Protein backbone atom coordinates (compact mmCIF):
# COMPACT_ATOMS: atom_id res chain seq x y z
CA MET A 1 -25.97 -19.98 -7.00
CA ALA A 2 -23.55 -17.57 -6.30
CA ASP A 3 -25.58 -15.12 -7.77
CA ARG A 4 -28.71 -16.06 -6.15
CA SER A 5 -26.52 -16.12 -2.65
CA SER A 6 -25.26 -12.98 -3.81
CA SER A 7 -28.93 -11.56 -3.84
CA GLN A 8 -30.37 -12.86 -1.13
CA TYR A 9 -27.21 -10.82 1.05
CA ASP A 10 -28.11 -7.79 -0.74
CA GLY A 11 -31.91 -8.00 -0.04
CA LEU A 12 -30.79 -8.47 3.78
CA LEU A 13 -28.85 -5.47 3.08
CA HIS A 14 -31.90 -3.25 1.79
CA ARG A 15 -33.84 -4.48 4.57
CA PHE A 16 -31.93 -4.29 7.74
CA GLY A 17 -29.21 -1.73 6.62
CA ASN A 18 -25.10 -2.70 5.95
CA PRO A 19 -24.02 -3.49 9.89
CA LEU A 20 -20.87 -1.26 8.96
CA GLU A 21 -23.59 1.74 8.79
CA TRP A 22 -25.12 1.08 12.45
CA LYS A 23 -25.04 2.91 15.42
CA LEU A 24 -22.34 1.75 17.48
CA ALA A 25 -25.11 0.69 20.03
CA TYR A 26 -26.62 -1.62 17.75
CA ARG A 27 -23.19 -3.01 16.71
CA VAL A 28 -22.53 -3.95 20.09
CA ALA A 29 -25.77 -5.99 20.55
CA LEU A 30 -24.83 -7.30 17.30
CA ILE A 31 -21.82 -9.27 18.66
CA ALA A 32 -23.41 -9.67 21.79
CA LEU A 33 -26.41 -11.80 19.90
CA ILE A 34 -24.03 -13.82 18.11
CA ALA A 35 -22.13 -14.43 21.62
CA PHE A 36 -25.24 -15.20 23.04
CA SER A 37 -26.39 -17.39 20.56
CA PHE A 38 -22.89 -20.11 20.95
CA THR A 39 -22.92 -19.40 24.64
CA ALA A 40 -26.42 -21.40 24.61
CA TRP A 41 -24.75 -23.82 22.70
CA THR A 42 -22.18 -24.42 25.29
CA VAL A 43 -25.24 -24.64 27.83
CA ILE A 44 -27.18 -26.98 25.78
CA ILE A 45 -24.09 -29.24 25.99
CA ALA A 46 -23.29 -29.23 29.32
CA ARG A 47 -26.58 -29.82 30.63
CA TYR A 48 -26.48 -32.73 28.14
CA LEU A 49 -23.64 -34.81 29.18
CA MET A 50 -24.52 -34.07 33.05
CA ALA A 51 -27.81 -35.88 32.00
CA HIS A 52 -25.73 -38.45 30.44
CA ARG A 53 -22.97 -39.82 32.81
CA ALA A 54 -21.95 -43.25 30.93
CA VAL A 55 -21.47 -41.90 27.43
CA ALA A 56 -19.29 -39.19 28.36
CA ASP A 57 -16.34 -40.37 31.11
CA TYR A 58 -13.91 -38.39 29.91
CA VAL A 59 -15.38 -35.32 30.91
CA SER A 60 -14.98 -34.09 34.95
CA ARG A 61 -18.64 -33.29 35.90
CA PRO A 62 -17.40 -31.43 39.11
CA LEU A 63 -16.15 -29.00 36.91
CA LEU A 64 -18.62 -28.99 34.36
CA SER A 65 -21.14 -28.12 37.11
CA LYS A 66 -19.20 -25.35 38.09
CA LEU A 67 -18.69 -24.80 34.38
CA LEU A 68 -22.16 -24.46 33.17
CA PHE A 69 -23.15 -22.59 36.51
CA VAL A 70 -20.87 -19.34 35.85
CA GLU A 71 -22.28 -20.02 31.50
CA GLU A 72 -25.60 -19.28 32.46
CA ARG A 73 -25.28 -16.86 35.52
CA VAL A 74 -22.51 -15.04 34.49
CA PHE A 75 -21.68 -15.61 30.98
CA ALA A 76 -25.09 -15.79 29.54
CA ILE A 77 -26.68 -13.46 31.39
CA GLY A 78 -23.84 -10.86 30.77
CA TRP A 79 -24.50 -11.31 26.87
CA VAL A 80 -28.39 -10.57 27.54
CA VAL A 81 -27.58 -7.81 29.27
CA TYR A 82 -24.51 -6.23 26.33
CA MET A 83 -28.06 -7.03 24.19
CA ALA A 84 -30.69 -5.13 25.80
CA VAL A 85 -28.23 -1.88 26.71
CA GLY A 86 -27.29 -1.74 23.31
CA LEU A 87 -30.77 -1.67 21.91
CA THR A 88 -31.98 0.73 24.24
CA LEU A 89 -29.27 2.64 23.81
CA GLY A 90 -29.65 2.86 20.18
CA LYS A 91 -33.25 3.34 20.03
CA PHE A 92 -33.10 6.65 22.24
CA HIS A 93 -29.98 7.93 19.97
CA ARG A 94 -27.25 7.85 22.71
CA GLN A 95 -23.99 7.89 21.14
CA GLY A 96 -21.99 9.56 24.29
CA ARG A 97 -19.84 7.92 26.88
CA GLY A 98 -21.69 5.16 27.71
CA VAL A 99 -21.51 3.85 24.34
CA ARG A 100 -18.16 4.51 23.86
CA PHE A 101 -17.73 2.13 27.38
CA LEU A 102 -20.37 -0.50 26.11
CA ALA A 103 -18.41 -0.66 23.17
CA ASN A 104 -14.55 -0.39 24.59
CA SER A 105 -15.83 -3.02 27.37
CA GLU A 106 -17.37 -5.73 25.19
CA PRO A 107 -14.08 -6.97 23.79
CA PHE A 108 -12.65 -8.12 27.32
CA PHE A 109 -15.75 -9.84 29.02
CA TYR A 110 -15.33 -11.78 25.47
CA VAL A 111 -12.01 -12.37 26.54
CA LEU A 112 -12.75 -13.35 29.93
CA HIS A 113 -15.47 -15.62 27.96
CA VAL A 114 -13.24 -17.28 25.67
CA LEU A 115 -10.55 -18.10 28.80
CA ALA A 116 -12.83 -19.69 31.04
CA VAL A 117 -13.85 -22.11 28.26
CA ALA A 118 -10.58 -22.62 27.05
CA TYR A 119 -8.30 -23.45 29.71
CA CYS A 120 -11.45 -26.35 30.89
CA LEU A 121 -10.54 -28.03 27.81
CA GLY A 122 -7.06 -27.67 27.06
CA PHE A 123 -5.31 -24.48 24.71
CA PHE A 124 -3.71 -27.27 22.66
CA THR A 125 -6.23 -29.69 22.70
CA THR A 126 -9.11 -28.57 20.85
CA ILE A 127 -9.53 -25.89 17.61
CA TYR A 128 -11.97 -23.40 20.42
CA PHE A 129 -9.08 -21.65 21.36
CA GLY A 130 -7.87 -20.49 17.38
CA THR A 131 -11.59 -20.36 15.90
CA THR A 132 -12.79 -17.64 19.06
CA LEU A 133 -9.72 -16.24 18.57
CA LEU A 134 -10.02 -15.33 14.90
CA SER A 135 -13.58 -15.21 14.89
CA GLY A 136 -13.35 -12.32 17.59
CA VAL A 137 -10.54 -10.62 16.19
CA THR A 138 -12.22 -10.39 12.64
CA VAL A 139 -16.24 -9.49 14.08
CA GLY A 140 -14.43 -6.56 16.63
CA MET A 141 -12.23 -5.21 13.90
CA VAL A 142 -14.96 -5.11 11.37
CA LEU A 143 -17.91 -3.83 13.71
CA LEU A 144 -15.65 -2.64 17.18
CA GLU A 145 -13.40 0.14 17.49
CA PRO A 146 -9.56 -1.49 16.23
CA THR A 147 -8.20 0.10 19.49
CA ALA A 148 -10.15 -1.93 22.25
CA VAL A 149 -10.08 -5.16 19.57
CA VAL A 150 -6.43 -5.21 19.49
CA LEU A 151 -6.15 -4.68 23.18
CA ALA A 152 -8.46 -7.06 23.89
CA MET A 153 -7.25 -9.68 21.52
CA LEU A 154 -3.95 -9.21 23.05
CA SER A 155 -4.49 -9.94 26.85
CA MET A 156 -6.51 -12.60 25.35
CA ILE A 157 -2.99 -14.23 24.30
CA ALA A 158 -1.11 -13.04 27.00
CA GLY A 159 -3.65 -14.87 29.46
CA ALA A 160 -3.03 -18.17 27.19
CA ILE A 161 0.37 -18.00 27.50
CA ILE A 162 0.38 -17.79 31.40
CA LEU A 163 -2.37 -20.24 31.93
CA THR A 164 -0.05 -22.70 29.74
CA LEU A 165 3.12 -21.82 31.89
CA ALA A 166 1.33 -21.90 35.15
CA THR A 167 0.29 -25.96 33.63
CA GLN A 168 4.02 -26.59 32.93
CA VAL A 169 5.17 -25.69 36.21
CA HIS A 170 2.24 -27.67 37.94
CA TRP A 171 0.63 -25.23 39.25
CA ILE A 172 -2.95 -25.61 37.71
CA PRO A 173 -3.91 -28.97 35.74
CA TYR A 174 -3.85 -28.66 32.26
CA ALA A 175 -7.39 -28.89 29.97
CA PRO A 176 -9.13 -29.90 33.94
CA LEU A 177 -12.63 -30.89 32.68
CA ILE A 178 -11.12 -33.11 29.90
CA LEU A 179 -9.90 -36.76 32.48
CA GLN A 180 -9.08 -38.65 29.57
CA THR A 181 -8.78 -38.67 25.87
CA PRO A 182 -11.73 -39.05 23.59
CA PHE A 183 -11.09 -41.66 21.72
CA LYS A 184 -9.92 -45.09 22.30
CA ASP A 185 -8.48 -47.80 19.97
CA GLY A 186 -8.35 -45.79 17.32
CA VAL A 187 -12.40 -44.74 16.84
CA LEU A 188 -13.40 -41.11 18.26
CA SER A 189 -16.47 -40.95 21.01
CA PRO A 190 -19.86 -40.22 19.02
CA THR A 191 -20.35 -37.94 22.12
CA TRP A 192 -17.48 -36.11 21.65
CA LEU A 193 -17.73 -35.71 17.98
CA ALA A 194 -21.50 -35.02 18.40
CA THR A 195 -20.97 -32.23 21.19
CA PHE A 196 -17.25 -30.46 21.84
CA GLY A 197 -16.73 -32.03 18.60
CA GLY A 198 -19.55 -30.42 16.71
CA PHE A 199 -19.46 -27.07 18.60
CA ASP A 200 -15.54 -26.78 17.60
CA SER A 201 -16.52 -27.51 13.92
CA ALA A 202 -19.59 -24.83 13.91
CA LEU A 203 -17.24 -22.15 15.38
CA LEU A 204 -15.18 -23.04 12.23
CA LEU A 205 -17.47 -23.11 9.68
CA PHE A 206 -18.73 -19.57 11.38
CA LEU A 207 -15.18 -17.84 10.89
CA PHE A 208 -14.95 -19.66 7.34
CA GLY A 209 -17.86 -17.82 6.90
CA LEU A 210 -17.20 -14.63 8.29
CA ILE A 211 -14.25 -14.22 6.85
CA LEU A 212 -15.69 -14.96 3.34
CA LEU A 213 -18.11 -12.26 4.18
CA VAL A 214 -15.07 -10.07 4.87
CA LEU A 215 -13.22 -10.83 1.68
CA GLN A 216 -16.16 -10.15 -0.08
CA ARG A 217 -17.03 -7.42 1.34
CA TRP A 218 -13.22 -6.14 0.62
CA ARG A 219 -13.24 -6.90 -2.82
CA LEU A 220 -15.91 -5.19 -3.76
CA ARG A 221 -14.50 -1.67 -1.62
CA GLU A 222 -11.55 -2.02 -3.65
CA GLU A 223 -13.57 -2.83 -6.80
CA GLN A 224 -15.16 0.59 -5.52
CA LEU A 225 -12.16 2.29 -5.18
CA ILE A 226 -10.65 1.53 -8.19
CA GLN A 227 -14.12 3.14 -9.77
CA ALA A 228 -13.46 6.18 -8.14
CA ASN A 229 -10.11 6.61 -8.69
CA ARG A 230 -11.08 6.62 -12.75
CA PHE A 231 -13.74 8.91 -11.77
CA LEU A 232 -11.85 11.11 -9.76
CA THR A 233 -9.22 11.05 -12.78
CA ARG A 234 -11.43 12.28 -15.22
CA PHE A 235 -11.75 15.57 -13.30
CA LEU A 236 -8.53 15.69 -11.54
CA SER A 237 -5.07 15.96 -12.44
CA PRO A 238 -3.04 12.37 -11.84
CA GLN A 239 -0.95 14.23 -9.03
CA VAL A 240 -4.55 15.74 -7.53
CA ALA A 241 -5.86 12.23 -7.65
CA ARG A 242 -2.71 10.75 -5.63
CA ILE A 243 -2.82 13.06 -3.14
CA ALA A 244 -6.60 12.26 -2.77
CA ASN A 245 -5.47 8.59 -2.47
CA GLN A 246 -2.77 9.11 -0.17
CA LEU A 247 -4.21 12.07 2.29
CA GLY A 248 -8.06 11.52 1.79
CA MET A 249 -10.24 14.03 -0.11
CA ALA A 250 -10.24 15.94 3.16
CA ALA A 251 -6.50 17.07 2.62
CA VAL A 252 -7.64 18.18 -0.95
CA MET A 253 -11.36 19.53 -0.13
CA GLN A 254 -9.81 22.09 2.31
CA LYS A 255 -10.47 25.87 1.98
CA SER A 256 -7.35 28.20 1.02
CA ARG A 257 -6.86 31.82 -0.60
CA SER A 258 -4.33 30.41 -3.93
CA GLN A 259 -2.51 32.33 -6.26
CA LEU A 260 -3.13 30.51 -9.78
CA THR A 261 -4.49 30.77 -13.44
CA ALA A 262 -8.40 29.99 -14.08
CA ILE A 263 -9.13 29.11 -18.06
CA GLU A 264 -12.44 28.92 -19.20
CA CYS A 265 -13.23 27.19 -22.58
CA ASP A 266 -16.39 27.05 -24.39
CA LEU A 267 -17.81 26.06 -28.10
CA ARG A 268 -18.57 28.89 -30.19
CA GLY A 269 -21.89 27.41 -32.51
CA PHE A 270 -22.92 25.21 -30.46
CA THR A 271 -26.25 26.15 -29.81
CA ALA A 272 -26.78 25.94 -33.49
CA PHE A 273 -25.17 23.16 -34.11
CA SER A 274 -27.40 20.98 -30.93
CA GLU A 275 -30.09 22.27 -32.82
CA SER A 276 -29.31 20.82 -36.06
CA VAL A 277 -27.98 17.32 -35.11
CA ALA A 278 -29.37 14.63 -33.23
CA PRO A 279 -28.72 14.42 -29.29
CA GLU A 280 -26.89 11.34 -29.87
CA GLU A 281 -24.59 13.29 -32.29
CA VAL A 282 -24.51 16.28 -29.43
CA VAL A 283 -23.64 13.66 -26.65
CA ASP A 284 -20.98 12.06 -28.82
CA LEU A 285 -19.54 15.29 -29.38
CA LEU A 286 -19.73 16.12 -26.00
CA GLU A 287 -17.88 13.21 -24.66
CA ARG A 288 -14.56 13.56 -27.13
CA TYR A 289 -14.51 16.76 -26.29
CA TYR A 290 -14.83 16.21 -22.52
CA SER A 291 -11.73 13.85 -23.30
CA ALA A 292 -9.93 15.88 -25.53
CA ILE A 293 -9.70 18.45 -22.57
CA GLY A 294 -9.51 16.01 -19.75
CA GLU A 295 -6.19 14.29 -21.66
CA ALA A 296 -4.73 18.55 -21.76
CA VAL A 297 -5.54 18.70 -18.41
CA GLY A 298 -4.08 16.02 -17.48
CA GLU A 299 -0.65 16.35 -18.94
CA HIS A 300 0.04 19.76 -17.18
CA GLY A 301 -1.00 18.79 -13.93
CA GLY A 302 -4.59 21.03 -13.96
CA THR A 303 -8.04 20.67 -11.94
CA ILE A 304 -11.59 20.45 -14.00
CA LYS A 305 -13.27 22.32 -11.66
CA ASP A 306 -16.95 22.03 -13.51
CA TYR A 307 -17.97 20.84 -16.53
CA SER A 308 -21.49 22.71 -17.99
CA GLY A 309 -22.76 21.87 -21.37
CA ASP A 310 -20.36 23.01 -23.70
CA GLY A 311 -18.30 25.28 -21.03
CA VAL A 312 -15.32 23.96 -18.68
CA LEU A 313 -13.50 25.90 -15.90
CA VAL A 314 -9.43 24.40 -15.20
CA LEU A 315 -8.04 25.83 -12.46
CA VAL A 316 -3.89 25.02 -12.48
CA GLY A 317 -2.27 25.71 -8.99
CA ALA A 318 -5.52 24.50 -6.93
CA PRO A 319 -5.43 22.38 -4.81
CA VAL A 320 -2.17 21.53 -5.66
CA PRO A 321 -0.21 24.76 -5.96
CA TYR A 322 2.55 25.29 -8.52
CA PRO A 323 5.04 28.15 -8.75
CA ASP A 324 4.65 28.13 -12.90
CA HIS A 325 0.65 27.89 -12.99
CA ALA A 326 0.74 30.36 -15.67
CA ARG A 327 3.01 28.22 -17.96
CA ARG A 328 1.43 25.46 -17.33
CA ALA A 329 -2.14 27.22 -18.16
CA VAL A 330 -0.84 28.05 -21.31
CA LEU A 331 0.31 24.80 -22.30
CA ILE A 332 -3.17 23.55 -21.25
CA ALA A 333 -5.35 25.90 -23.47
CA SER A 334 -2.81 25.19 -26.21
CA SER A 335 -3.19 21.51 -25.89
CA ILE A 336 -7.15 21.95 -25.65
CA ARG A 337 -7.16 24.53 -28.95
CA GLU A 338 -5.27 22.06 -30.44
CA ARG A 339 -6.75 18.70 -29.84
CA VAL A 340 -10.40 20.40 -29.68
CA THR A 341 -10.18 22.00 -33.27
CA LYS A 342 -9.24 18.73 -34.57
CA ILE A 343 -12.62 17.09 -33.32
CA LEU A 344 -14.09 20.04 -35.01
CA SER A 345 -13.04 20.06 -38.34
CA ALA A 346 -15.33 16.68 -39.40
CA TRP A 347 -18.43 18.74 -38.49
CA LYS A 348 -17.18 21.74 -40.72
CA ASN A 349 -16.80 20.29 -43.36
CA LEU A 350 -20.91 19.37 -43.11
CA GLY A 351 -21.14 23.03 -43.11
CA LEU A 352 -21.52 23.16 -39.49
CA GLU A 353 -18.94 25.57 -38.12
CA LEU A 354 -17.54 24.94 -34.19
CA GLN A 355 -14.97 26.78 -32.69
CA VAL A 356 -13.24 26.49 -29.44
CA GLY A 357 -12.76 29.64 -27.35
CA VAL A 358 -10.00 30.13 -24.09
CA GLY A 359 -9.88 32.60 -21.70
CA LEU A 360 -6.88 33.09 -19.25
CA ALA A 361 -6.66 35.41 -16.17
CA GLY A 362 -4.33 34.67 -13.43
CA GLY A 363 -5.01 35.93 -9.50
CA TYR A 364 -5.59 35.11 -5.55
CA VAL A 365 -8.47 33.01 -5.72
CA THR A 366 -9.97 31.22 -2.67
CA VAL A 367 -10.64 27.54 -3.34
CA GLY A 368 -11.79 24.34 -1.10
CA ALA A 369 -15.27 22.88 -0.18
CA ILE A 370 -18.08 24.20 0.75
CA GLY A 371 -21.99 22.60 1.45
CA GLY A 372 -24.33 20.96 4.44
CA ALA A 373 -24.15 17.76 5.46
CA GLU A 374 -25.28 15.35 2.40
CA ARG A 375 -23.02 17.32 0.01
CA LEU A 376 -20.07 19.45 -0.65
CA GLU A 377 -19.12 21.46 -3.81
CA TYR A 378 -15.85 22.75 -4.56
CA VAL A 379 -15.49 25.99 -5.36
CA ALA A 380 -13.07 28.96 -6.40
CA VAL A 381 -14.29 32.42 -6.09
CA GLY A 382 -12.31 35.24 -7.42
CA PRO A 383 -11.67 38.03 -9.61
CA ALA A 384 -9.44 35.72 -12.24
CA VAL A 385 -12.36 32.94 -12.70
CA ASN A 386 -14.15 35.50 -13.46
CA LEU A 387 -12.35 37.20 -15.64
CA ALA A 388 -10.99 34.00 -17.42
CA SER A 389 -14.97 33.73 -18.13
CA ARG A 390 -15.43 36.74 -19.66
CA LEU A 391 -12.40 36.50 -22.23
CA CYS A 392 -13.84 33.42 -23.05
CA GLU A 393 -16.79 35.09 -23.76
CA ARG A 394 -14.77 37.41 -26.29
CA ALA A 395 -12.54 34.63 -27.82
CA ALA A 396 -13.50 32.97 -31.15
CA GLY A 397 -11.33 30.17 -32.01
CA ASN A 398 -8.51 31.98 -30.02
CA ILE A 399 -6.74 32.22 -26.44
CA LEU A 400 -7.39 35.22 -24.85
CA VAL A 401 -4.94 35.79 -21.72
CA ASP A 402 -5.08 38.28 -19.23
CA GLN A 403 -2.24 41.28 -17.91
CA ARG A 404 -2.03 39.12 -14.79
CA VAL A 405 -0.91 35.61 -16.52
CA VAL A 406 1.36 37.90 -18.80
CA SER A 407 3.24 38.97 -15.95
CA LEU A 408 3.98 35.91 -13.86
CA LEU A 409 5.71 34.50 -17.07
CA GLY A 410 8.55 37.10 -16.31
CA GLU A 411 10.07 39.39 -18.34
CA ASN A 412 11.15 36.87 -21.10
CA PRO A 413 8.57 34.73 -21.43
CA PRO A 414 8.94 31.32 -23.48
CA PHE A 415 5.91 32.62 -25.66
CA HIS A 416 4.55 35.44 -27.22
CA PHE A 417 1.26 37.92 -26.40
CA GLU A 418 -0.05 39.98 -28.87
CA PRO A 419 -2.01 43.03 -27.49
CA VAL A 420 -5.25 42.88 -28.63
CA GLU A 421 -7.09 45.83 -26.82
CA THR A 422 -7.84 47.44 -23.25
CA ALA A 423 -11.51 46.41 -22.67
CA THR A 424 -14.00 47.12 -20.23
CA ILE A 425 -15.28 43.98 -19.18
CA LYS A 426 -18.46 43.74 -16.66
CA GLY A 427 -17.58 43.18 -13.46
CA PHE A 428 -14.67 44.56 -13.43
CA SER A 429 -14.18 48.88 -12.58
CA ARG A 430 -11.00 49.20 -14.65
CA PRO A 431 -10.35 48.51 -17.88
CA VAL A 432 -8.36 45.13 -18.93
CA LYS A 433 -5.84 44.24 -20.82
CA VAL A 434 -6.42 41.77 -23.28
CA PHE A 435 -3.59 39.47 -25.40
CA GLU A 436 -4.02 37.13 -27.86
CA LEU A 437 -1.59 34.06 -27.40
CA ILE A 438 0.61 34.34 -31.12
CA THR A 439 3.92 33.36 -32.71
CA PRO A 440 6.39 36.05 -33.38
CA ASN A 441 4.98 35.37 -37.38
CA GLY A 442 1.60 35.73 -36.52
CA ASP A 443 0.40 32.10 -36.23
CA ILE A 444 -1.34 30.16 -33.41
CA LEU A 445 1.34 28.60 -31.56
CA SER A 446 0.32 24.70 -31.12
CA ALA A 447 1.22 22.95 -27.56
CA ASP A 448 4.15 20.93 -29.52
CA GLU A 449 5.48 24.40 -30.64
CA ILE A 450 5.04 26.26 -26.97
CA GLY A 451 6.46 23.08 -25.28
CA ALA A 452 9.61 22.50 -27.28
CA VAL A 453 10.14 27.38 -27.35
CA ALA A 454 9.79 26.91 -23.43
CA ASP A 455 11.71 24.13 -22.93
CA ASN A 456 14.67 25.64 -25.15
CA ARG A 457 13.96 29.35 -23.13
CA SER A 458 15.02 26.76 -20.10
CA VAL A 459 18.02 25.59 -21.34
CA ALA A 460 19.50 28.85 -23.06
CA GLN A 461 18.77 30.45 -19.57
CA LYS A 462 20.66 27.31 -17.33
CA THR A 463 23.44 27.87 -20.19
CA SER A 464 23.73 31.17 -19.98
CA VAL A 465 24.03 31.62 -15.62
CA SER A 466 26.73 28.53 -16.12
CA THR A 467 28.75 30.66 -17.99
CA GLY A 468 28.70 33.35 -16.21
CA ASN A 469 29.76 31.26 -13.26
CA GLY A 470 32.54 30.23 -14.99
CA ASP A 471 34.05 33.63 -16.20
CA HIS A 472 34.12 35.09 -12.25
């Protein structure tokens, strides 16, 4: 049954669109239609009671006649005007001050309507006031501007308090429409049950359905946010994903010029591999390859900028800046090589030679979101990105680094680099010094070894500083 109602709801959304995404003028018209429906019901009840005097002797007919006049000539016409103006402005794509005035005034017109009826019935005699207050808050906060709705609902509560105090000091009568209790000898008047009671019950059911719908949409929205967060964390580091969740994607996507280290990696022999195995096996390898890179990047605060086949571009230092971005990038590169090499070793036994090449380059890069209204693309533009790609092309199972990254690590870096060549690289007017990440004895450094060396070097430096201060 739930699946069927959900399917019908989805069908309505497909046909008419989500009301939350409608133009503001159309949302004003929708609220006016709902309010007019209940106003029409009130008018029907009042006319019935006026026509059948004997069945409802507990109702003040002079006041009921005045209330009927106000309902028909003021509130019913008022809601029709709101509907007509909203539909007209929406049709002609008007989104200026007129629409904003219409949307901001509608909640206060609703307040006047509710207070007029609630005073006649008595604020504490029926559930009318409570259900209309909650219904107004729920519908208004979902479809209109929150500020105007909050102010209107606060004014409704203030008006109810003032009117109640006025009745307590005998300035005005309480519930003037009701002359006496609608029950006698333990029996409720059928007329009350069929009119006012039925109206209150309908309001209660409407409120229940409305809250249920809002909660359902809220739960769906939360699930979508959770899925989006999981999606983000696969491309962004936990630090960046946290900023995106707290401050919004705008804080992450704004343009800036940042000093960072770019990492480019891809697989050697991937084309031949793709031609030799089934497509499903290629996809399986890429999934494991991407997962390994994502884990390595997430450990040290990098951000995956691009996946392109077997090529992956990682930024360290944007959108979250790190003063030690070069150190983090070396740790990420070493971890990528270590993790991916383990994955590729299984294929080596089958005679398929695959290697991962990694290139690192540092410098100033402009990063941020660019694009049109329909789509944004996070871009990174600068020589460091291009150089990292060129170094990756030269790497074959090793990690190549440019002079800038080595310099950023300081005079006594916790890593050992061996000069490879001074190469003329396409796109760069000057020769580029190329280094390879190795250990002092010539072995490739693992990620754990690099981390241990870096930590030991940091501890040694702190100890040296501490000892020096003690000598003085």
